[in-house]
Amino acid sequence: MNYNAAVRALRENGPQRLYVLWGREDYLREAYLEQLRRACFPNGADDFSYRRFDGAALDLAALADAADAMPFLSDRTLLEVRDYDTNKCGDADTKRLLAIVEDLPDYCTLVFVMDTAFTPDGRLRVTKALQKCGEMLQFAGQEGAALVSWVTKRFAASGREIAPGDAQYLIEITGGLMNRMIPEIEKVSAYAADGAVRRADIDAVVQKLPEAVVFELTDDLAARRNDAAMEKLAELLSDRDNTPIFLLAAIGQQLRRLYAAKIAAQEGLGTDAVCELCGVRYDFIAQRLTQSARRFSRAALERAVVRCAEADYTMKHSGADDLAVLEELLLRLMAEE
C-alpha cells in the first residue's frame, strides 16, 4: 500500500461505503482512519452520525440498524468496528454480515479496523465479499527511504539531527514499526547531550528487538568474539519472554538468511534478490546481511544451518533441557572453522 496515494484518493474521490483496515503498521492505520473521519465529517466531529462498535461483543443486528439509520446534521454516517475477526465468522454470522455489507446505503461508511495480528483469509466467502464490496487496505511497514525521512523529521521536531545511517540503524533494531519507534525516538532525543544524535546515544537507551541482538551475536561468532557472543546470549535470556526455543528459532532464521545472502553474492545477485530470499523489507538490511555473510565461508554457514536444525529436533523430541541445548549449539558454532 502506498499511504500517500491512498490519502490522495480518499480526498479526491470522497469516502466509500466499506473499508477493511488491517496490517502491522497501526500508526499509519490510525492516521488513515483520522483522514477518513475528516472526509466523512468535514465540518468537524459529529457525535450524532458516528458510532463505534467493539468487535469482541459485536451485535450484528445493532450494526445493521446503525447502517440503515439516516445521518443527523451531517451528510454521512460513519460506523467503526474494532477488532472483529472476520476469519472466525460462523455460517450464520457470515450470512448476517454479508447482508449488511452488500446493501450499505450511499450515505453510510462502514470501516472494520482489524487487530495488528489479523490477516484476511482469502479463501473465505466473507473475505471475498469484503473485497468485492469495499476497499481492503493493508498497512505494512513503509519503504526504507520513506521511513528514514519520517525518523529524521521526528527527531527534527525535537530539535535533534540524525544521520541517515543512524536512522537506518534505529529502524533495524526496533523493527521499523512507527508506533514502536516513537517512544524510542523520544528517549534518544531526551538523552542526546546536544543537537546531534549519535549511534552511542541510540545504544544507550533504545530497547532492541531480540532479532537485532541475534544479528549482533552472529557477527560476534564470525569475528571470533566468543565472549561477546555469550554475553549477548545472556542478555537475551535475561528477558523471560525470550525462551530458549524462541531464541533458537531466531538464531536459525538469521543463519539461514546469512546463508541465502552468501549464495546470492556468489551468484552475482543484487540487493533485490537478497530482500526476496531473506524476507526483509529494507535494502540497507539486505546490504548488511551481505556484508556479514562475507565473514563466513559457505561451508561454515551450511554446517551452522544444519546444527540449528539438529538442535531444534533435539529440543522438540528428546526431552533434553532447552537451555542446555541452546548453549551447546552456541559452543559448537564457536568451534566451527
Protein backbone atom coordinates (compact mmCIF):
# COMPACT_ATOMS: atom_id res chain seq x y z
CA MET A 1 0.00 0.00 0.00
CA ASN A 2 1.18 3.50 -0.87
CA TYR A 3 -0.13 5.51 2.07
CA ASN A 4 0.16 8.94 0.44
CA ALA A 5 -1.59 7.72 -2.71
CA ALA A 6 -4.40 6.21 -0.62
CA VAL A 7 -4.93 9.52 1.22
CA ARG A 8 -4.95 11.43 -2.09
CA ALA A 9 -7.54 9.03 -3.49
CA LEU A 10 -9.69 9.50 -0.39
CA ARG A 11 -9.55 13.28 -0.70
CA GLU A 12 -10.24 13.27 -4.43
CA ASN A 13 -12.96 10.61 -4.54
CA GLY A 14 -14.51 11.01 -1.11
CA PRO A 15 -15.28 8.22 1.37
CA GLN A 16 -16.52 4.88 0.07
CA ARG A 17 -19.14 2.73 1.72
CA LEU A 18 -16.89 -0.03 3.09
CA TYR A 19 -13.28 -0.29 4.31
CA VAL A 20 -11.24 -3.01 5.96
CA LEU A 21 -8.05 -1.61 7.53
CA TRP A 22 -5.52 -4.25 8.52
CA GLY A 23 -1.79 -4.81 8.88
CA ARG A 24 1.01 -4.42 11.43
CA GLU A 25 1.63 -0.69 10.91
CA ASP A 26 -1.02 0.59 13.29
CA TYR A 27 0.40 4.14 13.31
CA LEU A 28 -0.46 4.61 9.63
CA ARG A 29 -3.71 2.73 10.06
CA GLU A 30 -4.85 5.17 12.73
CA ALA A 31 -3.63 8.13 10.67
CA TYR A 32 -5.69 6.93 7.69
CA LEU A 33 -8.71 6.38 9.91
CA GLU A 34 -8.45 10.00 11.06
CA GLN A 35 -8.34 11.12 7.41
CA LEU A 36 -11.45 9.02 6.80
CA ARG A 37 -13.25 10.68 9.72
CA ARG A 38 -12.41 14.11 8.33
CA ALA A 39 -13.66 13.09 4.89
CA CYS A 40 -16.95 11.90 6.38
CA PHE A 41 -17.32 14.93 8.65
CA PRO A 42 -15.52 17.87 7.00
CA ASN A 43 -17.10 20.30 9.46
CA GLY A 44 -15.70 18.51 12.48
CA ALA A 45 -16.57 15.56 14.69
CA ASP A 46 -20.22 14.55 14.64
CA ASP A 47 -21.33 12.53 17.65
CA PHE A 48 -24.80 12.07 16.19
CA SER A 49 -23.69 10.31 12.99
CA TYR A 50 -20.69 8.38 14.31
CA ARG A 51 -20.83 5.07 16.16
CA ARG A 52 -18.11 2.74 17.36
CA PHE A 53 -18.59 -0.98 17.98
CA ASP A 54 -16.44 -3.42 19.95
CA GLY A 55 -15.78 -6.40 17.70
CA ALA A 56 -15.48 -8.85 20.59
CA ALA A 57 -19.11 -8.15 21.55
CA LEU A 58 -20.46 -7.10 18.17
CA ASP A 59 -24.23 -7.33 17.79
CA LEU A 60 -24.79 -7.66 14.04
CA ALA A 61 -28.43 -6.68 14.40
CA ALA A 62 -27.39 -3.42 16.08
CA LEU A 63 -24.81 -2.85 13.33
CA ALA A 64 -27.49 -3.37 10.68
CA ASP A 65 -29.79 -0.89 12.40
CA ALA A 66 -26.97 1.68 12.61
CA ALA A 67 -26.16 1.21 8.92
CA ASP A 68 -29.78 1.91 7.98
CA ALA A 69 -30.08 4.97 10.23
CA MET A 70 -30.14 8.29 8.39
CA PRO A 71 -27.40 10.82 9.17
CA PHE A 72 -28.35 13.66 11.51
CA LEU A 73 -26.88 17.15 10.99
CA SER A 74 -24.31 15.70 8.53
CA ASP A 75 -24.19 14.20 5.07
CA ARG A 76 -22.87 10.79 6.11
CA THR A 77 -22.80 8.27 8.92
CA LEU A 78 -19.55 6.59 9.97
CA LEU A 79 -19.59 3.21 11.69
CA GLU A 80 -16.30 1.96 13.14
CA VAL A 81 -15.96 -1.71 14.14
CA ARG A 82 -12.83 -2.55 16.15
CA ASP A 83 -11.11 -5.95 16.26
CA TYR A 84 -13.86 -8.07 14.73
CA ASP A 85 -12.20 -11.24 13.40
CA THR A 86 -13.98 -11.99 10.14
CA ASN A 87 -11.88 -15.14 9.74
CA LYS A 88 -13.81 -16.68 12.63
CA CYS A 89 -17.32 -15.90 11.39
CA GLY A 90 -19.64 -18.88 11.55
CA ASP A 91 -22.16 -19.55 8.80
CA ALA A 92 -24.97 -17.64 10.49
CA ASP A 93 -22.83 -14.57 11.23
CA THR A 94 -21.37 -14.66 7.73
CA LYS A 95 -24.88 -14.55 6.28
CA ARG A 96 -25.87 -11.61 8.50
CA LEU A 97 -22.64 -9.72 7.78
CA LEU A 98 -22.94 -10.20 4.02
CA ALA A 99 -26.49 -8.86 4.13
CA ILE A 100 -25.12 -5.70 5.77
CA VAL A 101 -22.07 -5.02 3.58
CA GLU A 102 -23.82 -5.86 0.32
CA ASP A 103 -26.63 -3.38 0.99
CA LEU A 104 -24.95 -0.40 2.63
CA PRO A 105 -26.71 2.91 1.90
CA ASP A 106 -24.80 5.51 -0.11
CA TYR A 107 -24.70 7.80 2.92
CA CYS A 108 -23.06 5.20 5.20
CA THR A 109 -19.35 4.41 5.60
CA LEU A 110 -18.59 1.20 7.49
CA VAL A 111 -14.96 0.62 8.47
CA PHE A 112 -13.54 -2.52 10.06
CA VAL A 113 -10.33 -1.75 11.99
CA MET A 114 -8.52 -5.02 12.49
CA ASP A 115 -6.06 -6.13 15.14
CA THR A 116 -2.42 -5.96 14.02
CA ALA A 117 -2.19 -9.78 14.14
CA PHE A 118 -5.09 -10.19 11.70
CA THR A 119 -4.53 -11.39 8.13
CA PRO A 120 -7.63 -11.89 5.95
CA ASP A 121 -8.21 -15.45 4.77
CA GLY A 122 -8.81 -15.06 1.05
CA ARG A 123 -10.47 -18.48 0.81
CA LEU A 124 -13.45 -17.43 2.92
CA ARG A 125 -16.74 -16.25 1.50
CA VAL A 126 -16.82 -13.28 3.87
CA THR A 127 -13.36 -12.11 2.76
CA LYS A 128 -14.33 -12.31 -0.90
CA ALA A 129 -17.47 -10.29 -0.20
CA LEU A 130 -15.50 -7.60 1.65
CA GLN A 131 -13.05 -7.37 -1.24
CA LYS A 132 -15.90 -7.07 -3.74
CA CYS A 133 -17.94 -4.51 -1.83
CA GLY A 134 -15.23 -2.27 -0.43
CA GLU A 135 -11.55 -1.46 -0.03
CA MET A 136 -9.21 -3.71 1.93
CA LEU A 137 -6.15 -1.64 2.81
CA GLN A 138 -3.07 -3.33 4.26
CA PHE A 139 -0.88 -1.11 6.43
CA ALA A 140 2.54 -2.71 6.29
CA GLY A 141 5.91 -1.23 7.22
CA GLN A 142 6.98 1.62 4.98
CA GLU A 143 9.76 1.54 2.43
CA GLY A 144 13.25 2.30 3.70
CA ALA A 145 13.71 5.79 2.22
CA ALA A 146 10.27 6.96 3.36
CA LEU A 147 10.84 5.59 6.85
CA VAL A 148 14.29 7.19 7.15
CA SER A 149 12.71 10.51 6.16
CA TRP A 150 9.98 10.06 8.79
CA VAL A 151 12.53 9.26 11.52
CA THR A 152 14.59 12.31 10.54
CA LYS A 153 11.52 14.55 10.77
CA ARG A 154 10.52 13.13 14.17
CA PHE A 155 13.96 13.95 15.55
CA ALA A 156 13.89 17.39 13.90
CA ALA A 157 10.62 18.14 15.69
CA SER A 158 12.55 17.68 18.96
CA GLY A 159 15.41 19.87 17.78
CA ARG A 160 17.69 16.92 17.01
CA GLU A 161 19.57 15.85 13.89
CA ILE A 162 20.31 12.25 12.95
CA ALA A 163 22.46 10.93 10.12
CA PRO A 164 20.71 8.64 7.58
CA GLY A 165 22.88 5.70 8.57
CA ASP A 166 21.96 6.07 12.23
CA ALA A 167 18.28 6.43 11.29
CA GLN A 168 18.58 3.14 9.39
CA TYR A 169 20.21 1.56 12.44
CA LEU A 170 17.33 2.68 14.66
CA ILE A 171 14.83 1.23 12.18
CA GLU A 172 16.73 -2.06 12.09
CA ILE A 173 16.99 -2.61 15.84
CA THR A 174 13.37 -1.64 16.55
CA GLY A 175 11.70 -3.47 13.65
CA GLY A 176 10.59 -0.45 11.64
CA LEU A 177 7.06 -0.03 13.04
CA MET A 178 6.30 3.62 13.72
CA ASN A 179 4.41 3.28 16.99
CA ARG A 180 7.29 1.25 18.40
CA MET A 181 9.83 3.84 17.28
CA ILE A 182 8.05 6.93 18.60
CA PRO A 183 8.84 6.33 22.32
CA GLU A 184 12.38 5.26 21.40
CA ILE A 185 12.89 8.49 19.42
CA GLU A 186 11.61 10.45 22.41
CA LYS A 187 14.05 8.65 24.75
CA VAL A 188 17.00 9.23 22.43
CA SER A 189 16.06 12.90 21.96
CA ALA A 190 15.95 13.40 25.71
CA TYR A 191 19.22 11.53 26.24
CA ALA A 192 21.34 13.13 23.50
CA ALA A 193 23.68 15.72 25.00
CA ASP A 194 23.44 18.18 22.13
CA GLY A 195 21.59 18.65 18.86
CA ALA A 196 23.22 15.69 17.12
CA VAL A 197 22.04 12.13 17.75
CA ARG A 198 24.85 9.59 17.61
CA ARG A 199 24.95 5.79 17.47
CA ALA A 200 26.13 5.71 21.09
CA ASP A 201 23.00 7.62 22.16
CA ILE A 202 20.81 5.03 20.45
CA ASP A 203 22.66 2.10 22.00
CA ALA A 204 22.45 3.69 25.44
CA VAL A 205 18.67 3.93 25.72
CA VAL A 206 16.86 2.05 22.93
CA GLN A 207 15.39 -1.37 23.65
CA LYS A 208 16.47 -3.61 20.80
CA LEU A 209 14.36 -6.36 19.33
CA PRO A 210 15.70 -9.85 20.11
CA GLU A 211 16.25 -10.38 16.38
CA ALA A 212 18.56 -7.34 16.30
CA VAL A 213 20.63 -8.70 19.20
CA VAL A 214 20.81 -12.08 17.44
CA PHE A 215 22.18 -10.28 14.37
CA GLU A 216 24.96 -8.84 16.54
CA LEU A 217 25.52 -12.25 18.12
CA THR A 218 26.15 -13.91 14.73
CA ASP A 219 28.52 -11.07 13.83
CA ASP A 220 30.42 -11.83 17.03
CA LEU A 221 30.61 -15.51 16.05
CA ALA A 222 32.01 -14.60 12.65
CA ALA A 223 34.64 -12.35 14.22
CA ARG A 224 35.53 -14.97 16.88
CA ARG A 225 34.37 -12.65 19.65
CA ASN A 226 33.10 -15.62 21.61
CA ASP A 227 32.87 -13.87 24.98
CA ALA A 228 30.80 -11.10 23.40
CA ALA A 229 28.51 -13.68 21.80
CA MET A 230 27.92 -15.38 25.15
CA GLU A 231 27.24 -12.01 26.78
CA LYS A 232 24.58 -11.29 24.15
CA LEU A 233 23.01 -14.69 24.77
CA ALA A 234 22.89 -13.91 28.49
CA GLU A 235 21.35 -10.51 27.69
CA LEU A 236 18.64 -12.18 25.61
CA LEU A 237 17.93 -14.80 28.27
CA SER A 238 17.54 -12.12 30.94
CA ASP A 239 14.17 -11.35 29.35
CA ARG A 240 11.79 -14.11 30.41
CA ASP A 241 9.83 -13.74 27.17
CA ASN A 242 12.89 -14.92 25.24
CA THR A 243 12.60 -18.65 25.81
CA PRO A 244 15.41 -20.92 24.54
CA ILE A 245 13.19 -22.33 21.79
CA PHE A 246 12.30 -18.79 20.64
CA LEU A 247 15.98 -17.77 20.60
CA LEU A 248 16.90 -20.95 18.73
CA ALA A 249 14.33 -20.05 16.08
CA ALA A 250 15.75 -16.50 15.84
CA ILE A 251 19.35 -17.73 15.56
CA GLY A 252 18.33 -20.34 12.98
CA GLN A 253 16.47 -17.76 10.91
CA GLN A 254 19.44 -15.39 11.00
CA LEU A 255 21.87 -18.10 9.90
CA ARG A 256 19.56 -19.15 7.08
CA ARG A 257 19.40 -15.53 5.93
CA LEU A 258 23.18 -15.27 6.02
CA TYR A 259 23.44 -18.48 4.03
CA ALA A 260 20.97 -17.15 1.44
CA ALA A 261 22.87 -13.84 1.25
CA LYS A 262 26.13 -15.76 0.78
CA ILE A 263 24.70 -17.76 -2.12
CA ALA A 264 23.19 -14.62 -3.66
CA ALA A 265 26.57 -12.86 -3.54
CA GLN A 266 28.37 -15.83 -5.08
CA GLU A 267 25.78 -15.99 -7.86
CA GLY A 268 26.13 -12.26 -8.55
CA LEU A 269 22.58 -11.43 -7.49
CA GLY A 270 21.69 -7.94 -6.28
CA THR A 271 20.05 -6.42 -3.24
CA ASP A 272 16.51 -7.05 -4.50
CA ALA A 273 17.22 -10.76 -4.70
CA VAL A 274 18.63 -10.78 -1.17
CA CYS A 275 15.49 -8.99 0.12
CA GLU A 276 13.29 -11.60 -1.54
CA LEU A 277 15.36 -14.61 -0.47
CA CYS A 278 15.73 -13.42 3.11
CA GLY A 279 12.26 -11.94 3.59
CA VAL A 280 13.47 -8.48 4.58
CA ARG A 281 11.84 -5.17 3.61
CA TYR A 282 14.73 -2.77 3.54
CA ASP A 283 17.69 -2.55 1.18
CA PHE A 284 20.03 -1.47 3.95
CA ILE A 285 19.29 -4.61 5.96
CA ALA A 286 19.91 -6.76 2.87
CA GLN A 287 23.21 -4.95 2.36
CA ARG A 288 24.21 -5.59 5.96
CA LEU A 289 23.31 -9.27 5.59
CA THR A 290 25.54 -9.46 2.53
CA GLN A 291 28.41 -7.79 4.40
CA SER A 292 28.00 -10.08 7.40
CA ALA A 293 27.83 -13.17 5.20
CA ARG A 294 31.27 -12.35 3.77
CA ARG A 295 32.78 -13.11 7.18
CA PHE A 296 31.64 -16.74 6.95
CA SER A 297 32.58 -19.41 4.44
CA ARG A 298 29.72 -21.03 2.58
CA ALA A 299 30.59 -24.38 4.12
CA ALA A 300 30.55 -22.91 7.64
CA LEU A 301 27.09 -21.45 7.07
CA GLU A 302 25.83 -24.75 5.66
CA ARG A 303 27.06 -26.55 8.78
CA ALA A 304 25.57 -23.86 11.04
CA VAL A 305 22.14 -24.22 9.43
CA VAL A 306 22.33 -27.99 9.91
CA ARG A 307 23.39 -27.55 13.55
CA CYS A 308 20.34 -25.36 14.18
CA ALA A 309 18.03 -27.92 12.61
CA GLU A 310 19.54 -30.66 14.77
CA ALA A 311 19.16 -28.53 17.91
CA ASP A 312 15.54 -27.79 17.00
CA TYR A 313 14.83 -31.52 16.65
CA THR A 314 16.54 -32.24 19.98
CA MET A 315 14.54 -29.58 21.80
CA LYS A 316 11.24 -30.86 20.45
CA HIS A 317 11.77 -34.62 20.66
CA SER A 318 14.45 -35.63 23.18
CA GLY A 319 13.19 -34.18 26.44
CA ALA A 320 16.57 -32.53 26.99
CA ASP A 321 16.86 -29.24 28.83
CA ASP A 322 16.16 -26.48 26.28
CA LEU A 323 18.71 -24.05 27.71
CA ALA A 324 21.43 -26.70 27.72
CA VAL A 325 20.66 -27.49 24.06
CA LEU A 326 20.87 -23.81 23.14
CA GLU A 327 24.17 -23.29 24.96
CA GLU A 328 25.63 -26.42 23.39
CA LEU A 329 24.61 -25.15 19.95
CA LEU A 330 26.39 -21.85 20.54
CA LEU A 331 29.54 -23.64 21.72
CA ARG A 332 29.52 -25.85 18.61
CA LEU A 333 29.10 -22.80 16.39
CA MET A 334 32.05 -21.17 18.15
CA ALA A 335 34.17 -24.24 17.46
CA GLU A 336 33.48 -24.14 13.71
CA GLU A 337 36.41 -23.28 11.49
